[in-house]
PDB file of N, CA and C in Angstrom:
ATOM      1  N   MET A   1       0.820  -1.190   0.000  1.00  0.00           N
ATOM      2  CA  MET A   1       0.000   0.000   0.000  1.00  0.00           C
ATOM      3  C   MET A   1       0.866   1.257   0.000  1.00  0.00           C
ATOM      4  N   GLY A   2       1.973   1.219   0.744  1.00  0.00           N
ATOM      5  CA  GLY A   2       2.877   2.365   0.822  1.00  0.00           C
ATOM      6  C   GLY A   2       3.526   2.680  -0.512  1.00  0.00           C
ATOM      7  N   LYS A   3       3.842   1.625  -1.282  1.00  0.00           N
ATOM      8  CA  LYS A   3       4.459   1.831  -2.593  1.00  0.00           C
ATOM      9  C   LYS A   3       3.478   2.482  -3.569  1.00  0.00           C
ATOM     10  N   ILE A   4       2.208   2.132  -3.457  1.00  0.00           N
ATOM     11  CA  ILE A   4       1.200   2.718  -4.342  1.00  0.00           C
ATOM     12  C   ILE A   4       1.043   4.206  -4.046  1.00  0.00           C
ATOM     13  N   ILE A   5       1.012   4.566  -2.770  1.00  0.00           N
ATOM     14  CA  ILE A   5       0.901   5.975  -2.396  1.00  0.00           C
ATOM     15  C   ILE A   5       2.130   6.745  -2.859  1.00  0.00           C
ATOM     16  N   LEU A   6       3.312   6.149  -2.702  1.00  0.00           N
ATOM     17  CA  LEU A   6       4.538   6.785  -3.166  1.00  0.00           C
ATOM     18  C   LEU A   6       4.504   6.985  -4.679  1.00  0.00           C
ATOM     19  N   LEU A   7       4.063   5.993  -5.416  1.00  0.00           N
ATOM     20  CA  LEU A   7       3.983   6.092  -6.872  1.00  0.00           C
ATOM     21  C   LEU A   7       3.003   7.182  -7.300  1.00  0.00           C
ATOM     22  N   ILE A   8       1.854   7.247  -6.655  1.00  0.00           N
ATOM     23  CA  ILE A   8       0.866   8.275  -6.981  1.00  0.00           C
ATOM     24  C   ILE A   8       1.428   9.668  -6.659  1.00  0.00           C
ATOM     25  N   SER A   9       2.138   9.787  -5.549  1.00  0.00           N
ATOM     26  CA  SER A   9       2.737  11.073  -5.175  1.00  0.00           C
ATOM     27  C   SER A   9       3.774  11.513  -6.194  1.00  0.00           C
ATOM     28  N   VAL A  10       4.632  10.607  -6.620  1.00  0.00           N
ATOM     29  CA  VAL A  10       5.660  10.931  -7.609  1.00  0.00           C
ATOM     30  C   VAL A  10       5.026  11.333  -8.939  1.00  0.00           C
ATOM     31  N   LEU A  11       4.009  10.608  -9.368  1.00  0.00           N
ATOM     32  CA  LEU A  11       3.315  10.947 -10.614  1.00  0.00           C
ATOM     33  C   LEU A  11       2.658  12.320 -10.516  1.00  0.00           C
ATOM     34  N   PHE A  12       2.057  12.623  -9.379  1.00  0.00           N
ATOM     35  CA  PHE A  12       1.414  13.917  -9.185  1.00  0.00           C
ATOM     36  C   PHE A  12       2.447  15.037  -9.238  1.00  0.00           C
ATOM     37  N   LEU A  13       3.579  14.857  -8.577  1.00  0.00           N
ATOM     38  CA  LEU A  13       4.620  15.889  -8.568  1.00  0.00           C
ATOM     39  C   LEU A  13       5.218  16.104  -9.954  1.00  0.00           C
ATOM     40  N   THR A  14       5.435  15.038 -10.701  1.00  0.00           N
ATOM     41  CA  THR A  14       6.034  15.201 -12.023  1.00  0.00           C
ATOM     42  C   THR A  14       5.081  15.892 -12.986  1.00  0.00           C
ATOM     43  N   THR A  15       3.803  15.693 -12.831  1.00  0.00           N
ATOM     44  CA  THR A  15       2.863  16.385 -13.724  1.00  0.00           C
ATOM     45  C   THR A  15       2.677  17.833 -13.316  1.00  0.00           C
ATOM     46  N   THR A  16       2.783  18.160 -12.045  1.00  0.00           N
ATOM     47  CA  THR A  16       2.605  19.541 -11.611  1.00  0.00           C
ATOM     48  C   THR A  16       3.884  20.355 -11.760  1.00  0.00           C
ATOM     49  N   LEU A  17       5.042  19.721 -11.820  1.00  0.00           N
ATOM     50  CA  LEU A  17       6.297  20.449 -11.944  1.00  0.00           C
ATOM     51  C   LEU A  17       6.702  20.698 -13.388  1.00  0.00           C
ATOM     52  N   HIS A  18       5.971  20.156 -14.334  1.00  0.00           N
ATOM     53  CA  HIS A  18       6.309  20.358 -15.734  1.00  0.00           C
ATOM     54  C   HIS A  18       5.950  21.776 -16.156  1.00  0.00           C
ATOM     55  N   ALA A  19       6.918  22.490 -16.684  1.00  0.00           N
ATOM     56  CA  ALA A  19       6.693  23.857 -17.154  1.00  0.00           C
ATOM     57  C   ALA A  19       6.915  23.914 -18.653  1.00  0.00           C
ATOM     58  N   ASP A  20       6.058  24.646 -19.310  1.00  0.00           N
ATOM     59  CA  ASP A  20       6.156  24.796 -20.758  1.00  0.00           C
ATOM     60  C   ASP A  20       6.552  26.237 -21.061  1.00  0.00           C
ATOM     61  N   VAL A  21       7.774  26.612 -20.697  1.00  0.00           N
ATOM     62  CA  VAL A  21       8.261  27.976 -20.892  1.00  0.00           C
ATOM     63  C   VAL A  21       8.987  28.065 -22.228  1.00  0.00           C
ATOM     64  N   ARG A  22       8.609  29.062 -23.030  1.00  0.00           N
ATOM     65  CA  ARG A  22       9.245  29.260 -24.331  1.00  0.00           C
ATOM     66  C   ARG A  22       9.710  30.704 -24.454  1.00  0.00           C
ATOM     67  N   LEU A  23      10.828  30.875 -25.130  1.00  0.00           N
ATOM     68  CA  LEU A  23      11.383  32.196 -25.416  1.00  0.00           C
ATOM     69  C   LEU A  23      11.393  32.426 -26.919  1.00  0.00           C
ATOM     70  N   PRO A  24      11.361  33.683 -27.358  1.00  0.00           N
ATOM     71  CA  PRO A  24      11.504  33.943 -28.791  1.00  0.00           C
ATOM     72  C   PRO A  24      12.886  33.518 -29.274  1.00  0.00           C
ATOM     73  N   GLN A  25      13.024  33.278 -30.551  1.00  0.00           N
ATOM     74  CA  GLN A  25      14.302  32.826 -31.101  1.00  0.00           C
ATOM     75  C   GLN A  25      15.396  33.875 -31.012  1.00  0.00           C
ATOM     76  N   ILE A  26      15.041  35.115 -30.719  1.00  0.00           N
ATOM     77  CA  ILE A  26      16.046  36.172 -30.595  1.00  0.00           C
ATOM     78  C   ILE A  26      16.987  35.909 -29.418  1.00  0.00           C
ATOM     79  N   PHE A  27      16.502  35.193 -28.403  1.00  0.00           N
ATOM     80  CA  PHE A  27      17.329  34.869 -27.244  1.00  0.00           C
ATOM     81  C   PHE A  27      18.068  33.564 -27.493  1.00  0.00           C
ATOM     82  N   GLY A  28      19.375  33.561 -27.202  1.00  0.00           N
ATOM     83  CA  GLY A  28      20.152  32.350 -27.412  1.00  0.00           C
ATOM     84  C   GLY A  28      21.523  32.437 -26.787  1.00  0.00           C
ATOM     85  N   ASP A  29      22.301  31.389 -26.975  1.00  0.00           N
ATOM     86  CA  ASP A  29      23.661  31.347 -26.457  1.00  0.00           C
ATOM     87  C   ASP A  29      24.516  32.404 -27.140  1.00  0.00           C
ATOM     88  N   ASN A  30      25.449  32.946 -26.393  1.00  0.00           N
ATOM     89  CA  ASN A  30      26.439  33.910 -26.886  1.00  0.00           C
ATOM     90  C   ASN A  30      25.829  35.217 -27.381  1.00  0.00           C
ATOM     91  N   MET A  31      24.612  35.531 -26.964  1.00  0.00           N
ATOM     92  CA  MET A  31      24.039  36.821 -27.354  1.00  0.00           C
ATOM     93  C   MET A  31      24.675  37.913 -26.516  1.00  0.00           C
ATOM     94  N   VAL A  32      24.690  39.120 -27.033  1.00  0.00           N
ATOM     95  CA  VAL A  32      25.330  40.256 -26.377  1.00  0.00           C
ATOM     96  C   VAL A  32      24.246  41.187 -25.850  1.00  0.00           C
ATOM     97  N   LEU A  33      24.360  41.557 -24.573  1.00  0.00           N
ATOM     98  CA  LEU A  33      23.432  42.499 -23.953  1.00  0.00           C
ATOM     99  C   LEU A  33      24.218  43.726 -23.510  1.00  0.00           C
ATOM    100  N   GLN A  34      23.618  44.899 -23.648  1.00  0.00           N
ATOM    101  CA  GLN A  34      24.287  46.131 -23.236  1.00  0.00           C
ATOM    102  C   GLN A  34      24.159  46.294 -21.732  1.00  0.00           C
ATOM    103  N   ARG A  35      25.264  46.552 -21.074  1.00  0.00           N
ATOM    104  CA  ARG A  35      25.210  46.705 -19.623  1.00  0.00           C
ATOM    105  C   ARG A  35      24.695  48.090 -19.245  1.00  0.00           C
ATOM    106  N   ASP A  36      24.234  48.202 -17.994  1.00  0.00           N
ATOM    107  CA  ASP A  36      23.698  49.444 -17.429  1.00  0.00           C
ATOM    108  C   ASP A  36      22.497  49.975 -18.206  1.00  0.00           C
ATOM    109  N   GLN A  37      21.832  49.132 -18.947  1.00  0.00           N
ATOM    110  CA  GLN A  37      20.629  49.507 -19.688  1.00  0.00           C
ATOM    111  C   GLN A  37      19.547  48.473 -19.409  1.00  0.00           C
ATOM    112  N   PRO A  38      18.285  48.896 -19.358  1.00  0.00           N
ATOM    113  CA  PRO A  38      17.219  47.911 -19.157  1.00  0.00           C
ATOM    114  C   PRO A  38      17.091  46.992 -20.370  1.00  0.00           C
ATOM    115  N   THR A  39      16.905  45.715 -20.114  1.00  0.00           N
ATOM    116  CA  THR A  39      16.733  44.721 -21.171  1.00  0.00           C
ATOM    117  C   THR A  39      15.414  43.998 -20.941  1.00  0.00           C
ATOM    118  N   ALA A  40      14.566  44.000 -21.944  1.00  0.00           N
ATOM    119  CA  ALA A  40      13.273  43.311 -21.833  1.00  0.00           C
ATOM    120  C   ALA A  40      13.457  41.831 -22.168  1.00  0.00           C
ATOM    121  N   ILE A  41      12.947  40.977 -21.306  1.00  0.00           N
ATOM    122  CA  ILE A  41      12.934  39.531 -21.520  1.00  0.00           C
ATOM    123  C   ILE A  41      11.464  39.125 -21.520  1.00  0.00           C
ATOM    124  N   TRP A  42      11.038  38.371 -22.519  1.00  0.00           N
ATOM    125  CA  TRP A  42       9.635  37.980 -22.605  1.00  0.00           C
ATOM    126  C   TRP A  42       9.504  36.584 -23.172  1.00  0.00           C
ATOM    127  N   GLY A  43       8.307  36.045 -23.068  1.00  0.00           N
ATOM    128  CA  GLY A  43       8.070  34.705 -23.600  1.00  0.00           C
ATOM    129  C   GLY A  43       6.664  34.238 -23.293  1.00  0.00           C
ATOM    130  N   TRP A  44       6.478  32.923 -23.369  1.00  0.00           N
ATOM    131  CA  TRP A  44       5.175  32.294 -23.179  1.00  0.00           C
ATOM    132  C   TRP A  44       5.341  31.091 -22.268  1.00  0.00           C
ATOM    133  N   SER A  45       4.287  30.782 -21.558  1.00  0.00           N
ATOM    134  CA  SER A  45       4.302  29.622 -20.666  1.00  0.00           C
ATOM    135  C   SER A  45       2.862  29.197 -20.403  1.00  0.00           C
ATOM    136  N   SER A  46       2.697  28.285 -19.489  1.00  0.00           N
ATOM    137  CA  SER A  46       1.362  27.920 -19.046  1.00  0.00           C
ATOM    138  C   SER A  46       0.758  29.120 -18.316  1.00  0.00           C
ATOM    139  N   PRO A  47      -0.544  29.294 -18.358  1.00  0.00           N
ATOM    140  CA  PRO A  47      -1.168  30.419 -17.651  1.00  0.00           C
ATOM    141  C   PRO A  47      -0.812  30.440 -16.175  1.00  0.00           C
ATOM    142  N   ARG A  48      -0.497  31.624 -15.686  1.00  0.00           N
ATOM    143  CA  ARG A  48      -0.165  31.883 -14.267  1.00  0.00           C
ATOM    144  C   ARG A  48       1.067  31.113 -13.772  1.00  0.00           C
ATOM    145  N   GLU A  49       1.890  30.656 -14.680  1.00  0.00           N
ATOM    146  CA  GLU A  49       3.139  29.958 -14.326  1.00  0.00           C
ATOM    147  C   GLU A  49       4.123  30.964 -13.738  1.00  0.00           C
ATOM    148  N   LYS A  50       4.876  30.577 -12.709  1.00  0.00           N
ATOM    149  CA  LYS A  50       5.925  31.437 -12.163  1.00  0.00           C
ATOM    150  C   LYS A  50       7.179  31.291 -13.007  1.00  0.00           C
ATOM    151  N   ILE A  51       7.730  32.405 -13.451  1.00  0.00           N
ATOM    152  CA  ILE A  51       8.923  32.421 -14.291  1.00  0.00           C
ATOM    153  C   ILE A  51      10.033  33.113 -13.515  1.00  0.00           C
ATOM    154  N   THR A  52      11.208  32.500 -13.453  1.00  0.00           N
ATOM    155  CA  THR A  52      12.368  33.109 -12.818  1.00  0.00           C
ATOM    156  C   THR A  52      13.474  33.258 -13.853  1.00  0.00           C
ATOM    157  N   VAL A  53      13.988  34.483 -13.980  1.00  0.00           N
ATOM    158  CA  VAL A  53      15.095  34.763 -14.892  1.00  0.00           C
ATOM    159  C   VAL A  53      16.331  35.024 -14.045  1.00  0.00           C
ATOM    160  N   LEU A  54      17.406  34.319 -14.351  1.00  0.00           N
ATOM    161  CA  LEU A  54      18.679  34.482 -13.663  1.00  0.00           C
ATOM    162  C   LEU A  54      19.667  35.065 -14.654  1.00  0.00           C
ATOM    163  N   LEU A  55      20.164  36.260 -14.373  1.00  0.00           N
ATOM    164  CA  LEU A  55      21.069  36.961 -15.276  1.00  0.00           C
ATOM    165  C   LEU A  55      22.199  37.555 -14.463  1.00  0.00           C
ATOM    166  N   ASN A  56      23.401  37.063 -14.698  1.00  0.00           N
ATOM    167  CA  ASN A  56      24.590  37.583 -14.012  1.00  0.00           C
ATOM    168  C   ASN A  56      24.405  37.594 -12.492  1.00  0.00           C
ATOM    169  N   LYS A  57      23.975  36.486 -11.941  1.00  0.00           N
ATOM    170  CA  LYS A  57      23.772  36.282 -10.504  1.00  0.00           C
ATOM    171  C   LYS A  57      22.629  37.118  -9.942  1.00  0.00           C
ATOM    172  N   GLN A  58      21.820  37.718 -10.793  1.00  0.00           N
ATOM    173  CA  GLN A  58      20.632  38.433 -10.365  1.00  0.00           C
ATOM    174  C   GLN A  58      19.417  37.576 -10.702  1.00  0.00           C
ATOM    175  N   SER A  59      18.452  37.568  -9.816  1.00  0.00           N
ATOM    176  CA  SER A  59      17.275  36.737 -10.012  1.00  0.00           C
ATOM    177  C   SER A  59      16.024  37.604  -9.936  1.00  0.00           C
ATOM    178  N   LYS A  60      15.094  37.384 -10.873  1.00  0.00           N
ATOM    179  CA  LYS A  60      13.836  38.114 -10.890  1.00  0.00           C
ATOM    180  C   LYS A  60      12.730  37.129 -11.239  1.00  0.00           C
ATOM    181  N   THR A  61      11.611  37.194 -10.496  1.00  0.00           N
ATOM    182  CA  THR A  61      10.506  36.267 -10.698  1.00  0.00           C
ATOM    183  C   THR A  61       9.242  37.037 -11.047  1.00  0.00           C
ATOM    184  N   ILE A  62       8.448  36.454 -11.945  1.00  0.00           N
ATOM    185  CA  ILE A  62       7.181  37.044 -12.383  1.00  0.00           C
ATOM    186  C   ILE A  62       6.211  35.909 -12.658  1.00  0.00           C
ATOM    187  N   ALA A  63       4.935  36.203 -12.613  1.00  0.00           N
ATOM    188  CA  ALA A  63       3.915  35.209 -12.952  1.00  0.00           C
ATOM    189  C   ALA A  63       3.336  35.552 -14.322  1.00  0.00           C
ATOM    190  N   ALA A  64       3.135  34.542 -15.143  1.00  0.00           N
ATOM    191  CA  ALA A  64       2.540  34.749 -16.462  1.00  0.00           C
ATOM    192  C   ALA A  64       1.072  35.137 -16.302  1.00  0.00           C
ATOM    193  N   GLY A  65       0.552  35.786 -17.315  1.00  0.00           N
ATOM    194  CA  GLY A  65      -0.849  36.194 -17.284  1.00  0.00           C
ATOM    195  C   GLY A  65      -1.785  35.041 -17.600  1.00  0.00           C
ATOM    196  N   LYS A  66      -3.070  35.352 -17.691  1.00  0.00           N
ATOM    197  CA  LYS A  66      -4.073  34.340 -18.004  1.00  0.00           C
ATOM    198  C   LYS A  66      -3.846  33.720 -19.374  1.00  0.00           C
ATOM    199  N   ASP A  67      -3.262  34.508 -20.283  1.00  0.00           N
ATOM    200  CA  ASP A  67      -2.998  34.022 -21.639  1.00  0.00           C
ATOM    201  C   ASP A  67      -1.643  33.333 -21.768  1.00  0.00           C
ATOM    202  N   GLY A  68      -0.853  33.286 -20.684  1.00  0.00           N
ATOM    203  CA  GLY A  68       0.445  32.626 -20.703  1.00  0.00           C
ATOM    204  C   GLY A  68       1.589  33.533 -21.119  1.00  0.00           C
ATOM    205  N   LYS A  69       1.314  34.778 -21.453  1.00  0.00           N
ATOM    206  CA  LYS A  69       2.378  35.711 -21.847  1.00  0.00           C
ATOM    207  C   LYS A  69       3.010  36.328 -20.602  1.00  0.00           C
ATOM    208  N   TRP A  70       4.306  36.585 -20.679  1.00  0.00           N
ATOM    209  CA  TRP A  70       5.003  37.242 -19.592  1.00  0.00           C
ATOM    210  C   TRP A  70       6.107  38.132 -20.160  1.00  0.00           C
ATOM    211  N   LYS A  71       6.477  39.155 -19.414  1.00  0.00           N
ATOM    212  CA  LYS A  71       7.531  40.093 -19.827  1.00  0.00           C
ATOM    213  C   LYS A  71       8.094  40.754 -18.581  1.00  0.00           C
ATOM    214  N   MET A  72       9.397  40.890 -18.537  1.00  0.00           N
ATOM    215  CA  MET A  72      10.052  41.572 -17.419  1.00  0.00           C
ATOM    216  C   MET A  72      11.233  42.373 -17.930  1.00  0.00           C
ATOM    217  N   CYS A  73      11.649  43.326 -17.137  1.00  0.00           N
ATOM    218  CA  CYS A  73      12.787  44.166 -17.490  1.00  0.00           C
ATOM    219  C   CYS A  73      13.909  43.864 -16.490  1.00  0.00           C
ATOM    220  N   VAL A  74      15.089  43.582 -16.997  1.00  0.00           N
ATOM    221  CA  VAL A  74      16.247  43.294 -16.142  1.00  0.00           C
ATOM    222  C   VAL A  74      17.396  44.226 -16.518  1.00  0.00           C
ATOM    223  N   TYR A  75      18.272  44.471 -15.578  1.00  0.00           N
ATOM    224  CA  TYR A  75      19.446  45.303 -15.809  1.00  0.00           C
ATOM    225  C   TYR A  75      20.690  44.441 -15.698  1.00  0.00           C
ATOM    226  N   LEU A  76      21.586  44.570 -16.625  1.00  0.00           N
ATOM    227  CA  LEU A  76      22.864  43.871 -16.574  1.00  0.00           C
ATOM    228  C   LEU A  76      23.876  44.832 -15.972  1.00  0.00           C
ATOM    229  N   ILE A  77      24.155  44.647 -14.684  1.00  0.00           N
ATOM    230  CA  ILE A  77      25.085  45.521 -13.965  1.00  0.00           C
ATOM    231  C   ILE A  77      26.381  44.767 -13.762  1.00  0.00           C
ATOM    232  N   ARG A  78      27.434  45.401 -14.067  1.00  0.00           N
ATOM    233  CA  ARG A  78      28.739  44.753 -13.948  1.00  0.00           C
ATOM    234  C   ARG A  78      29.287  44.878 -12.571  1.00  0.00           C
TER     235      ARG A  78
END
């Protein structure tokens, strides 16, 4: 009985932890951002999904809207 409860718990957690976060193709590896200027980061996800952006050891979190769209402004400070 304990194994069944454990299996159901694991299945529940894996389905609730799945995030469908997407970024536009403009964002990618080795892209260059101007420092000391605001930079807009945006994308799409599941509705009301929490999105965390980590940039140069800075972290910012936002929740997506009802339509799954999200946008935030970050600063690249040296």
